[in-house]
Amino acid sequence: MKKLAVIGGTGIAKIEGFVITEDITCDTPYGKPSSILSRGTYAGREIIFLPRHGDPPVIPPHKINYRANLRALKDNGVNTILGINAVGGITSGMIPGRLVVPDQIIDYTWGRKHTFFEEGLTHPVYVEFTRPYDDTLRDLIINSAPPAGVEILPYGTYGATQGPRLESAAEISRLERDGCDIVGMTGMPECALARELELAYASISLVVNRAAGKGEEGITMDLIQNNMDLAVMDLTRLFQELIPRI
């Protein structure tokens, strides 16, 4: 049976319609997760919700304890994770307000604790990562969009940058040359750590701005919030169709 968790990102500190039945305080060998885990029901389905930036959301992307977050979910029986990520749009189709289900990722982060397999080993562990996101879970997301009346892009390469500052126009040009369609700060090592723990993981990325140098407007927090509000409306409709299917 699939036991589902949702990891919320910037602007997703709660899920509308999610009824909390239990708050779970936990610790892990890697420290404490970003927040308490909230167990509850949504659309008739039990899920666990974790805001990766904390509650209130004060933890910057490079300081998130990704290992503790993933291990805490695993220890509480989770085997399937939807990661919600706010991103900037690089290529032409990645317009603000759009939902994207990335199929690939490139890691530009540094200095983050990015593996569980580094101490007390009897041999090196090499985790297969050709297709970083779970295909079955991605298909469920993509196939849930039409009946939910939500337009979604079923592909895209996520460029994970260090943050917390936004990127320069030249850096975005480099990411585009590398093949990135969207850019965010929390996609890694979360995705890889989920794979190490054998958790089915997929991202629903919300485009909240055009990346640096790609839009006529500058990037402001007001603009990001307005686009976030639009994307969350679609995300809510998608969740109502998707979560009962998982």
Protein backbone atom coordinates (compact mmCIF):
# COMPACT_ATOMS: atom_id res chain seq x y z
CA MET A 1 0.00 0.00 0.00
CA LYS A 2 1.26 3.46 -0.86
CA LYS A 3 1.70 5.69 2.19
CA LEU A 4 1.88 9.25 0.95
CA ALA A 5 3.65 12.38 2.12
CA VAL A 6 3.64 15.86 0.65
CA ILE A 7 6.69 18.08 1.14
CA GLY A 8 5.65 21.70 0.77
CA GLY A 9 7.93 24.40 -0.54
CA THR A 10 7.97 28.18 -0.68
CA GLY A 11 4.42 29.47 -0.29
CA ILE A 12 3.04 25.98 0.42
CA ALA A 13 3.00 25.96 4.22
CA LYS A 14 -0.35 24.16 4.29
CA ILE A 15 -2.78 22.35 2.01
CA GLU A 16 -6.28 23.77 1.72
CA GLY A 17 -8.76 21.06 2.80
CA PHE A 18 -6.16 19.05 4.71
CA VAL A 19 -7.57 18.02 8.10
CA ILE A 20 -4.83 17.40 10.65
CA THR A 21 -5.47 14.54 13.05
CA GLU A 22 -2.03 14.22 14.66
CA ASP A 23 1.16 16.23 15.04
CA ILE A 24 4.26 14.05 15.13
CA THR A 25 7.42 15.29 16.78
CA CYS A 26 10.38 13.15 15.85
CA ASP A 27 14.15 12.96 15.74
CA THR A 28 16.47 11.03 13.44
CA PRO A 29 20.12 9.95 13.42
CA TYR A 30 20.66 13.04 11.22
CA GLY A 31 18.93 15.52 13.52
CA LYS A 32 15.45 16.97 13.55
CA PRO A 33 13.35 17.52 10.44
CA SER A 34 12.34 21.02 9.36
CA SER A 35 9.09 20.86 11.32
CA ILE A 36 6.72 18.55 13.09
CA LEU A 37 5.04 16.08 10.72
CA SER A 38 1.32 16.65 10.30
CA ARG A 39 -0.70 13.48 9.77
CA GLY A 40 -4.24 13.91 8.53
CA THR A 41 -6.74 13.33 5.76
CA TYR A 42 -7.23 14.92 2.37
CA ALA A 43 -9.89 13.90 -0.14
CA GLY A 44 -10.56 10.82 1.95
CA ARG A 45 -6.91 9.77 1.95
CA GLU A 46 -4.42 9.73 4.83
CA ILE A 47 -1.28 11.74 4.16
CA ILE A 48 1.61 13.28 6.05
CA PHE A 49 2.58 16.88 5.35
CA LEU A 50 6.02 18.41 5.98
CA PRO A 51 6.95 22.04 5.16
CA ARG A 52 10.62 21.82 4.12
CA HIS A 53 11.34 25.44 5.05
CA GLY A 54 9.87 24.98 8.54
CA ASP A 55 6.78 26.35 10.24
CA PRO A 56 7.05 29.32 10.15
CA PRO A 57 9.08 29.09 6.92
CA VAL A 58 12.44 30.51 8.01
CA ILE A 59 14.95 27.85 6.86
CA PRO A 60 16.80 28.89 3.66
CA PRO A 61 17.29 26.23 0.98
CA HIS A 62 20.98 25.56 1.69
CA LYS A 63 20.33 25.08 5.42
CA ILE A 64 17.47 22.57 5.16
CA ASN A 65 18.24 19.25 6.83
CA TYR A 66 17.18 17.16 3.84
CA ARG A 67 18.48 13.91 5.33
CA ALA A 68 16.45 14.37 8.51
CA ASN A 69 13.33 15.25 6.52
CA LEU A 70 13.47 12.15 4.32
CA ARG A 71 14.48 9.82 7.15
CA ALA A 72 11.66 11.12 9.38
CA LEU A 73 9.12 10.39 6.67
CA LYS A 74 10.57 6.92 6.06
CA ASP A 75 10.52 6.17 9.79
CA ASN A 76 6.82 7.06 9.88
CA GLY A 77 5.90 4.57 7.19
CA VAL A 78 5.97 6.83 4.13
CA ASN A 79 6.97 5.19 0.85
CA THR A 80 5.65 7.74 -1.67
CA ILE A 81 6.43 11.47 -1.76
CA LEU A 82 5.13 14.43 -3.72
CA GLY A 83 7.66 17.25 -3.54
CA ILE A 84 6.21 20.70 -4.26
CA ASN A 85 8.82 23.14 -5.59
CA ALA A 86 8.60 26.82 -6.51
CA VAL A 87 10.77 27.46 -9.57
CA GLY A 88 11.77 30.04 -12.15
CA GLY A 89 11.00 29.44 -15.80
CA ILE A 90 13.92 29.36 -18.23
CA THR A 91 12.69 27.98 -21.57
CA SER A 92 9.79 29.53 -23.47
CA GLY A 93 7.02 27.19 -22.31
CA MET A 94 7.81 27.66 -18.64
CA ILE A 95 5.58 30.66 -18.04
CA PRO A 96 4.54 31.96 -14.60
CA GLY A 97 1.60 30.16 -13.06
CA ARG A 98 2.29 26.91 -14.92
CA LEU A 99 2.69 23.51 -13.25
CA VAL A 100 5.55 21.29 -14.42
CA VAL A 101 6.34 17.63 -13.71
CA PRO A 102 10.10 17.48 -14.29
CA ASP A 103 11.61 14.27 -15.61
CA GLN A 104 15.30 15.16 -15.18
CA ILE A 105 17.47 17.17 -12.80
CA ILE A 106 20.96 18.73 -12.80
CA ASP A 107 22.61 19.45 -9.45
CA TYR A 108 24.56 22.72 -9.11
CA THR A 109 24.47 22.77 -5.31
CA TRP A 110 27.52 22.37 -3.09
CA GLY A 111 28.29 21.66 0.55
CA ARG A 112 24.94 20.02 1.29
CA LYS A 113 24.67 16.66 3.03
CA HIS A 114 23.66 14.78 -0.07
CA THR A 115 23.94 11.07 0.83
CA PHE A 116 23.15 8.59 3.59
CA PHE A 117 26.02 6.37 2.43
CA GLU A 118 29.19 7.95 3.76
CA GLU A 119 29.99 6.40 7.17
CA GLY A 120 30.13 2.89 8.63
CA LEU A 121 30.10 1.24 5.22
CA THR A 122 31.42 -2.23 4.39
CA HIS A 123 31.60 -1.24 0.71
CA PRO A 124 30.80 1.82 -1.42
CA VAL A 125 27.15 2.23 -2.39
CA TYR A 126 26.30 3.55 -5.86
CA VAL A 127 22.62 4.40 -6.35
CA GLU A 128 21.16 4.22 -9.87
CA PHE A 129 19.83 7.65 -10.86
CA THR A 130 19.32 7.58 -14.63
CA ARG A 131 15.67 8.55 -14.24
CA PRO A 132 15.67 10.54 -11.00
CA TYR A 133 11.91 10.79 -10.58
CA ASP A 134 9.57 7.82 -10.15
CA ASP A 135 7.91 7.14 -13.51
CA THR A 136 4.76 5.55 -12.08
CA LEU A 137 4.14 8.51 -9.77
CA ARG A 138 4.86 10.97 -12.57
CA ASP A 139 2.32 9.22 -14.79
CA LEU A 140 -0.31 9.47 -12.06
CA ILE A 141 0.29 13.21 -11.77
CA ILE A 142 0.19 13.76 -15.52
CA ASN A 143 -2.92 11.64 -16.05
CA SER A 144 -4.76 13.39 -13.21
CA ALA A 145 -4.38 16.82 -14.77
CA PRO A 146 -6.97 16.63 -17.60
CA PRO A 147 -9.90 15.48 -15.42
CA ALA A 148 -8.90 18.16 -12.90
CA GLY A 149 -9.05 20.79 -15.62
CA VAL A 150 -5.41 21.70 -15.05
CA GLU A 151 -2.84 22.37 -17.75
CA ILE A 152 0.44 20.74 -16.86
CA LEU A 153 3.76 20.29 -18.61
CA PRO A 154 4.76 16.60 -18.43
CA TYR A 155 8.50 17.10 -18.88
CA GLY A 156 11.36 19.41 -18.04
CA THR A 157 14.86 19.47 -16.59
CA TYR A 158 15.16 21.05 -13.15
CA GLY A 159 18.39 22.94 -12.44
CA ALA A 160 19.03 22.91 -8.67
CA THR A 161 21.09 25.92 -7.57
CA GLN A 162 22.59 26.71 -4.19
CA GLY A 163 20.74 29.87 -3.19
CA PRO A 164 19.55 31.61 -1.22
CA ARG A 165 20.20 34.44 -3.68
CA LEU A 166 18.54 34.32 -7.08
CA GLU A 167 20.68 33.67 -10.13
CA SER A 168 22.35 36.16 -12.46
CA ALA A 169 21.26 36.40 -16.10
CA ALA A 170 24.56 34.84 -17.14
CA GLU A 171 24.04 31.92 -14.79
CA ILE A 172 20.57 31.33 -16.24
CA SER A 173 22.06 31.41 -19.75
CA ARG A 174 24.51 28.74 -18.64
CA LEU A 175 21.71 26.60 -17.20
CA GLU A 176 19.79 26.92 -20.46
CA ARG A 177 22.84 25.83 -22.45
CA ASP A 178 23.10 22.84 -20.12
CA GLY A 179 19.52 21.89 -20.97
CA CYS A 180 17.63 23.18 -17.92
CA ASP A 181 14.01 24.28 -18.35
CA ILE A 182 13.35 25.43 -14.79
CA VAL A 183 15.50 26.54 -11.87
CA GLY A 184 14.98 26.08 -8.14
CA MET A 185 16.93 25.68 -4.93
CA THR A 186 15.39 22.65 -3.19
CA GLY A 187 15.28 19.89 -5.81
CA MET A 188 18.57 18.43 -4.63
CA PRO A 189 19.58 16.55 -2.60
CA GLU A 190 15.94 15.80 -1.72
CA CYS A 191 15.32 13.82 -4.89
CA ALA A 192 18.51 11.76 -4.59
CA LEU A 193 18.03 11.06 -0.88
CA ALA A 194 14.55 9.73 -1.60
CA ARG A 195 16.08 7.35 -4.14
CA GLU A 196 18.66 6.17 -1.60
CA LEU A 197 15.82 5.33 0.82
CA GLU A 198 13.89 3.57 -1.98
CA LEU A 199 11.02 6.05 -1.75
CA ALA A 200 8.91 6.79 -4.82
CA TYR A 201 9.43 10.52 -5.39
CA ALA A 202 8.17 13.03 -7.94
CA SER A 203 8.09 16.80 -8.09
CA ILE A 204 5.27 19.14 -8.98
CA SER A 205 7.08 22.37 -9.79
CA LEU A 206 5.20 25.67 -9.72
CA VAL A 207 6.63 28.33 -12.04
CA VAL A 208 6.40 31.56 -10.04
CA ASN A 209 8.60 33.85 -12.15
CA ARG A 210 10.60 34.04 -15.32
CA ALA A 211 14.25 33.37 -14.49
CA ALA A 212 16.80 36.20 -14.51
CA GLY A 213 17.12 37.81 -17.94
CA LYS A 214 14.12 35.91 -19.33
CA GLY A 215 11.28 38.29 -18.52
CA GLU A 216 10.48 41.91 -19.32
CA GLU A 217 9.65 42.53 -15.66
CA GLY A 218 12.17 42.35 -12.87
CA ILE A 219 11.85 39.66 -10.23
CA THR A 220 10.06 40.91 -7.12
CA MET A 221 8.55 39.07 -4.18
CA ASP A 222 5.15 40.62 -4.96
CA LEU A 223 5.31 39.21 -8.49
CA ILE A 224 6.37 35.80 -7.19
CA GLN A 225 3.54 35.76 -4.65
CA ASN A 226 0.92 36.71 -7.25
CA ASN A 227 2.08 33.93 -9.56
CA MET A 228 2.27 31.54 -6.61
CA ASP A 229 -1.37 32.24 -5.78
CA LEU A 230 -2.39 31.40 -9.35
CA ALA A 231 -0.36 28.20 -9.40
CA VAL A 232 -1.70 27.06 -6.02
CA MET A 233 -5.27 27.29 -7.33
CA ASP A 234 -4.35 24.79 -10.06
CA LEU A 235 -2.37 22.69 -7.59
CA THR A 236 -5.41 22.42 -5.30
CA ARG A 237 -7.60 21.20 -8.17
CA LEU A 238 -4.90 18.75 -9.21
CA PHE A 239 -4.56 17.40 -5.66
CA GLN A 240 -8.29 16.75 -5.43
CA GLU A 241 -8.04 14.45 -8.44
CA LEU A 242 -4.55 13.07 -7.85
CA ILE A 243 -4.30 12.16 -4.19
CA PRO A 244 -7.22 9.67 -4.16
CA ARG A 245 -5.54 7.87 -7.10
CA ILE A 246 -2.24 7.27 -5.32
